[in-house]
Every structure is written in structure tokens, then in C-alpha cells.
Amino acid sequence: MLKVFINGSSGKVGTSLSRIVNQKNDLYVNNKDISSADVVIDFSHPDSTTQIIQQCSSNKIPLIIGTTGLKKNILNEIKKLSTMEGVCSILKPYNKFNTEFSNNF
């Protein structure tokens, strides 16, 4: 069973994601301990995203980011994270016209 940590689970998108994940037989929402997660999904505030990037980096956990309004320094951290071994795809919308995609397959 894949353990999913949803950062921003109390927001609109996070609540919907939690509900969807909990409906799947092979997925489990684990918002108690990020270090034991198999993947992290971030739909939060940019300040929180910075902390999640650091935690995923140190634990080598794949991270999916849907948070908007990220500053250039956070985007640089995301790019750095995407080059690490053991960390997969990152998809981050940064405005309504552009999407940035980084991966490490």
C-alpha cells in the first residue's frame, strides 16, 4: 500500500485529494509522519512548501507540488530537488499560462 502525505490537507484541494486517496485500495493517507511517506503531494502555502522541499530532500521522498505563487528562490530549490537520486517528478504551475515540469527518472 502506497503511503501518501498530503501537505495542505485541510484546504479545498487537499480535502478532495484526501477523499480520493482514501477511496483507493492501494493508497493510504498518512499525514502523521512525513518521513514514512512513499510520496508527498503539496497543495499548501508557499512558506509551507519550502519546509516540505527540505523534508523530502533529506528523506529522498518523491514530491508533487501544486502550490501556486512560489518565488524564484523556491523554484530554484525545486529544480535542485528534482536532480536528486531517488526523487521523481515535480509538476508546478507558476501562473495561468506556464507550467514547469522537472523529473529525475
N, C-alpha and C. Protein backbone atom coordinates (compact mmCIF):
# COMPACT_ATOMS: atom_id res chain seq x y z
N MET A 1 0.85 -1.18 0.00
CA MET A 1 0.00 0.00 0.00
C MET A 1 0.89 1.24 0.00
N LEU A 2 0.62 2.18 -0.89
CA LEU A 2 1.38 3.41 -1.03
C LEU A 2 0.92 4.43 0.00
N LYS A 3 1.85 4.92 0.81
CA LYS A 3 1.53 5.92 1.84
C LYS A 3 1.73 7.32 1.27
N VAL A 4 0.66 8.11 1.28
CA VAL A 4 0.66 9.45 0.70
C VAL A 4 0.54 10.49 1.82
N PHE A 5 1.48 11.43 1.83
CA PHE A 5 1.41 12.56 2.76
C PHE A 5 0.89 13.74 1.96
N ILE A 6 -0.22 14.34 2.39
CA ILE A 6 -0.80 15.49 1.69
C ILE A 6 -0.58 16.74 2.53
N ASN A 7 0.32 17.60 2.05
CA ASN A 7 0.57 18.86 2.72
C ASN A 7 -0.47 19.87 2.23
N GLY A 8 -1.26 20.39 3.16
CA GLY A 8 -2.36 21.27 2.81
C GLY A 8 -3.67 20.50 2.78
N SER A 9 -3.73 19.43 3.54
CA SER A 9 -4.90 18.54 3.52
C SER A 9 -6.17 19.19 4.08
N SER A 10 -6.03 20.33 4.76
CA SER A 10 -7.22 21.00 5.29
C SER A 10 -7.83 22.00 4.30
N GLY A 11 -7.13 22.25 3.20
CA GLY A 11 -7.66 23.16 2.18
C GLY A 11 -8.62 22.46 1.24
N LYS A 12 -9.16 23.21 0.28
CA LYS A 12 -10.14 22.65 -0.66
C LYS A 12 -9.55 21.49 -1.48
N VAL A 13 -8.42 21.74 -2.12
CA VAL A 13 -7.82 20.70 -2.96
C VAL A 13 -7.32 19.56 -2.09
N GLY A 14 -6.68 19.87 -0.97
CA GLY A 14 -6.16 18.84 -0.07
C GLY A 14 -7.25 17.94 0.47
N THR A 15 -8.39 18.53 0.81
CA THR A 15 -9.53 17.74 1.30
C THR A 15 -10.03 16.79 0.21
N SER A 16 -10.14 17.30 -1.01
CA SER A 16 -10.57 16.47 -2.13
C SER A 16 -9.57 15.35 -2.40
N LEU A 17 -8.29 15.68 -2.39
CA LEU A 17 -7.25 14.66 -2.60
C LEU A 17 -7.31 13.58 -1.52
N SER A 18 -7.46 13.98 -0.29
CA SER A 18 -7.54 13.01 0.81
C SER A 18 -8.71 12.06 0.61
N ARG A 19 -9.83 12.60 0.22
CA ARG A 19 -11.02 11.78 -0.01
C ARG A 19 -10.78 10.79 -1.15
N ILE A 20 -10.18 11.25 -2.24
CA ILE A 20 -9.90 10.39 -3.38
C ILE A 20 -8.90 9.29 -3.01
N VAL A 21 -7.82 9.67 -2.35
CA VAL A 21 -6.80 8.70 -1.95
C VAL A 21 -7.40 7.64 -1.03
N ASN A 22 -8.22 8.06 -0.09
CA ASN A 22 -8.82 7.11 0.85
C ASN A 22 -9.81 6.16 0.19
N GLN A 23 -10.30 6.49 -0.98
CA GLN A 23 -11.22 5.62 -1.71
C GLN A 23 -10.50 4.52 -2.47
N LYS A 24 -9.19 4.66 -2.62
CA LYS A 24 -8.40 3.68 -3.37
C LYS A 24 -7.89 2.59 -2.44
N ASN A 25 -7.93 1.36 -2.92
CA ASN A 25 -7.48 0.22 -2.10
C ASN A 25 -5.97 0.16 -1.92
N ASP A 26 -5.22 0.71 -2.87
CA ASP A 26 -3.77 0.61 -2.81
C ASP A 26 -3.08 1.90 -2.33
N LEU A 27 -3.86 2.87 -1.85
CA LEU A 27 -3.33 4.13 -1.35
C LEU A 27 -3.82 4.37 0.07
N TYR A 28 -3.00 5.10 0.83
CA TYR A 28 -3.34 5.39 2.23
C TYR A 28 -2.82 6.78 2.57
N VAL A 29 -3.68 7.65 3.11
CA VAL A 29 -3.23 8.97 3.55
C VAL A 29 -2.57 8.83 4.90
N ASN A 30 -1.31 9.24 4.94
CA ASN A 30 -0.53 9.21 6.18
C ASN A 30 -0.03 10.63 6.43
N ASN A 31 -0.76 11.44 7.16
CA ASN A 31 -0.36 12.82 7.43
C ASN A 31 0.26 12.98 8.81
N LYS A 32 0.62 11.89 9.44
CA LYS A 32 1.22 11.97 10.77
C LYS A 32 2.74 12.01 10.73
N ASP A 33 3.35 11.31 9.78
CA ASP A 33 4.81 11.20 9.74
C ASP A 33 5.30 11.26 8.30
N ILE A 34 5.81 12.42 7.90
CA ILE A 34 6.25 12.60 6.51
C ILE A 34 7.42 11.67 6.17
N SER A 35 8.26 11.35 7.13
CA SER A 35 9.44 10.53 6.84
C SER A 35 9.07 9.10 6.46
N SER A 36 7.86 8.65 6.79
CA SER A 36 7.45 7.29 6.42
C SER A 36 6.58 7.28 5.16
N ALA A 37 6.39 8.44 4.53
CA ALA A 37 5.57 8.52 3.32
C ALA A 37 6.33 7.98 2.12
N ASP A 38 5.58 7.43 1.17
CA ASP A 38 6.17 6.98 -0.10
C ASP A 38 6.17 8.11 -1.12
N VAL A 39 5.25 9.05 -0.96
CA VAL A 39 5.15 10.22 -1.85
C VAL A 39 4.48 11.35 -1.07
N VAL A 40 4.86 12.58 -1.41
CA VAL A 40 4.26 13.77 -0.80
C VAL A 40 3.60 14.59 -1.89
N ILE A 41 2.37 15.02 -1.63
CA ILE A 41 1.66 15.93 -2.52
C ILE A 41 1.47 17.24 -1.77
N ASP A 42 1.90 18.34 -2.39
CA ASP A 42 1.85 19.64 -1.72
C ASP A 42 0.89 20.58 -2.44
N PHE A 43 -0.21 20.90 -1.76
CA PHE A 43 -1.15 21.94 -2.18
C PHE A 43 -1.33 22.84 -0.97
N SER A 44 -0.35 23.67 -0.70
CA SER A 44 -0.36 24.47 0.52
C SER A 44 0.00 25.92 0.22
N HIS A 45 0.58 26.57 1.19
CA HIS A 45 1.07 27.95 1.08
C HIS A 45 2.55 27.90 0.73
N PRO A 46 3.07 28.85 -0.05
CA PRO A 46 4.48 28.84 -0.41
C PRO A 46 5.45 28.71 0.78
N ASP A 47 5.12 29.31 1.92
CA ASP A 47 6.00 29.18 3.09
C ASP A 47 6.10 27.73 3.55
N SER A 48 5.01 27.01 3.47
CA SER A 48 4.99 25.60 3.86
C SER A 48 5.72 24.74 2.84
N THR A 49 5.65 25.12 1.57
CA THR A 49 6.31 24.36 0.51
C THR A 49 7.81 24.30 0.75
N THR A 50 8.40 25.39 1.21
CA THR A 50 9.84 25.42 1.48
C THR A 50 10.22 24.35 2.50
N GLN A 51 9.46 24.22 3.55
CA GLN A 51 9.73 23.20 4.58
C GLN A 51 9.57 21.79 4.01
N ILE A 52 8.54 21.58 3.20
CA ILE A 52 8.29 20.26 2.62
C ILE A 52 9.42 19.88 1.67
N ILE A 53 9.92 20.83 0.90
CA ILE A 53 11.04 20.56 0.00
C ILE A 53 12.25 20.06 0.80
N GLN A 54 12.54 20.72 1.90
CA GLN A 54 13.68 20.31 2.74
C GLN A 54 13.47 18.91 3.31
N GLN A 55 12.25 18.62 3.79
CA GLN A 55 11.98 17.31 4.37
C GLN A 55 12.04 16.21 3.32
N CYS A 56 11.50 16.47 2.13
CA CYS A 56 11.55 15.47 1.06
C CYS A 56 12.99 15.27 0.58
N SER A 57 13.74 16.33 0.53
CA SER A 57 15.13 16.25 0.13
C SER A 57 15.93 15.38 1.10
N SER A 58 15.80 15.63 2.38
CA SER A 58 16.59 14.87 3.36
C SER A 58 16.13 13.42 3.48
N ASN A 59 14.87 13.13 3.17
CA ASN A 59 14.35 11.76 3.25
C ASN A 59 14.24 11.07 1.89
N LYS A 60 14.63 11.78 0.82
CA LYS A 60 14.54 11.28 -0.55
C LYS A 60 13.15 10.74 -0.88
N ILE A 61 12.16 11.59 -0.66
CA ILE A 61 10.77 11.24 -0.92
C ILE A 61 10.30 11.98 -2.18
N PRO A 62 9.70 11.27 -3.13
CA PRO A 62 9.16 11.95 -4.31
C PRO A 62 8.11 12.99 -3.91
N LEU A 63 8.12 14.12 -4.63
CA LEU A 63 7.28 15.25 -4.27
C LEU A 63 6.54 15.77 -5.49
N ILE A 64 5.24 15.97 -5.33
CA ILE A 64 4.40 16.58 -6.36
C ILE A 64 3.91 17.90 -5.79
N ILE A 65 4.18 19.00 -6.49
CA ILE A 65 3.83 20.32 -5.98
C ILE A 65 2.76 20.95 -6.86
N GLY A 66 1.66 21.34 -6.23
CA GLY A 66 0.59 22.05 -6.93
C GLY A 66 0.38 23.43 -6.35
N THR A 67 1.21 23.81 -5.40
CA THR A 67 1.10 25.13 -4.77
C THR A 67 1.46 26.21 -5.78
N THR A 68 0.69 27.28 -5.79
CA THR A 68 0.96 28.39 -6.69
C THR A 68 1.56 29.56 -5.92
N GLY A 69 2.08 30.53 -6.65
CA GLY A 69 2.62 31.74 -6.04
C GLY A 69 4.01 31.56 -5.47
N LEU A 70 4.75 30.57 -5.98
CA LEU A 70 6.10 30.33 -5.46
C LEU A 70 7.09 31.34 -6.03
N LYS A 71 7.97 31.82 -5.20
CA LYS A 71 9.01 32.78 -5.59
C LYS A 71 10.16 32.05 -6.28
N LYS A 72 11.01 32.83 -6.93
CA LYS A 72 12.13 32.29 -7.71
C LYS A 72 13.06 31.43 -6.85
N ASN A 73 13.32 31.84 -5.60
CA ASN A 73 14.22 31.06 -4.76
C ASN A 73 13.65 29.68 -4.45
N ILE A 74 12.33 29.59 -4.30
CA ILE A 74 11.70 28.29 -4.07
C ILE A 74 11.75 27.45 -5.35
N LEU A 75 11.53 28.08 -6.49
CA LEU A 75 11.64 27.36 -7.77
C LEU A 75 13.04 26.79 -7.94
N ASN A 76 14.06 27.54 -7.52
CA ASN A 76 15.44 27.04 -7.60
C ASN A 76 15.63 25.82 -6.70
N GLU A 77 15.03 25.83 -5.52
CA GLU A 77 15.09 24.67 -4.62
C GLU A 77 14.40 23.46 -5.25
N ILE A 78 13.29 23.70 -5.92
CA ILE A 78 12.57 22.62 -6.60
C ILE A 78 13.44 22.02 -7.70
N LYS A 79 14.10 22.87 -8.48
CA LYS A 79 14.98 22.38 -9.53
C LYS A 79 16.12 21.54 -8.95
N LYS A 80 16.68 22.00 -7.84
CA LYS A 80 17.75 21.25 -7.19
C LYS A 80 17.24 19.89 -6.69
N LEU A 81 16.07 19.88 -6.10
CA LEU A 81 15.48 18.65 -5.59
C LEU A 81 15.23 17.66 -6.73
N SER A 82 14.81 18.16 -7.88
CA SER A 82 14.46 17.28 -8.99
C SER A 82 15.67 16.56 -9.58
N THR A 83 16.87 17.01 -9.26
CA THR A 83 18.08 16.35 -9.77
C THR A 83 18.61 15.28 -8.81
N MET A 84 18.02 15.18 -7.64
CA MET A 84 18.49 14.21 -6.64
C MET A 84 18.07 12.80 -7.02
N GLU A 85 18.95 11.86 -6.78
CA GLU A 85 18.65 10.45 -6.98
C GLU A 85 17.56 10.02 -6.02
N GLY A 86 16.57 9.28 -6.49
CA GLY A 86 15.50 8.78 -5.65
C GLY A 86 14.31 9.71 -5.53
N VAL A 87 14.39 10.88 -6.13
CA VAL A 87 13.27 11.81 -6.10
C VAL A 87 12.76 11.95 -7.53
N CYS A 88 11.47 11.68 -7.74
CA CYS A 88 10.92 11.67 -9.10
C CYS A 88 10.37 13.00 -9.56
N SER A 89 9.22 12.95 -10.16
CA SER A 89 8.63 14.07 -10.88
C SER A 89 8.14 15.19 -9.98
N ILE A 90 8.25 16.37 -10.52
CA ILE A 90 7.68 17.55 -9.87
C ILE A 90 6.96 18.35 -10.95
N LEU A 91 5.71 18.60 -10.74
CA LEU A 91 4.93 19.42 -11.65
C LEU A 91 4.42 20.61 -10.87
N LYS A 92 4.75 21.82 -11.31
CA LYS A 92 4.41 23.01 -10.54
C LYS A 92 3.89 24.09 -11.45
N PRO A 93 2.61 24.43 -11.35
CA PRO A 93 2.11 25.57 -12.12
C PRO A 93 2.56 26.86 -11.46
N TYR A 94 3.14 27.79 -12.23
CA TYR A 94 3.54 29.04 -11.59
C TYR A 94 2.79 30.24 -12.10
N ASN A 95 2.00 30.09 -13.11
CA ASN A 95 0.99 31.08 -13.44
C ASN A 95 0.01 30.44 -14.41
N LYS A 96 -1.02 31.15 -14.80
CA LYS A 96 -2.07 30.52 -15.61
C LYS A 96 -1.62 30.21 -17.03
N PHE A 97 -0.46 30.70 -17.45
CA PHE A 97 -0.01 30.47 -18.81
C PHE A 97 1.12 29.45 -18.91
N ASN A 98 1.83 29.24 -17.84
CA ASN A 98 3.02 28.38 -17.89
C ASN A 98 2.97 27.26 -16.87
N THR A 99 3.65 26.18 -17.19
CA THR A 99 3.82 25.09 -16.24
C THR A 99 5.27 24.66 -16.32
N GLU A 100 5.85 24.41 -15.17
CA GLU A 100 7.22 23.94 -15.14
C GLU A 100 7.21 22.49 -14.74
N PHE A 101 7.92 21.66 -15.50
CA PHE A 101 7.97 20.22 -15.19
C PHE A 101 9.42 19.82 -15.07
N SER A 102 9.74 19.18 -13.97
CA SER A 102 11.08 18.65 -13.76
C SER A 102 10.95 17.19 -13.40
N ASN A 103 11.91 16.39 -13.82
CA ASN A 103 11.86 15.00 -13.42
C ASN A 103 13.24 14.39 -13.32
N ASN A 104 13.30 13.28 -12.66
CA ASN A 104 14.53 12.52 -12.50
C ASN A 104 14.14 11.05 -12.55
N PHE A 105 14.08 10.50 -13.76
CA PHE A 105 13.69 9.11 -13.91
C PHE A 105 14.91 8.21 -13.99
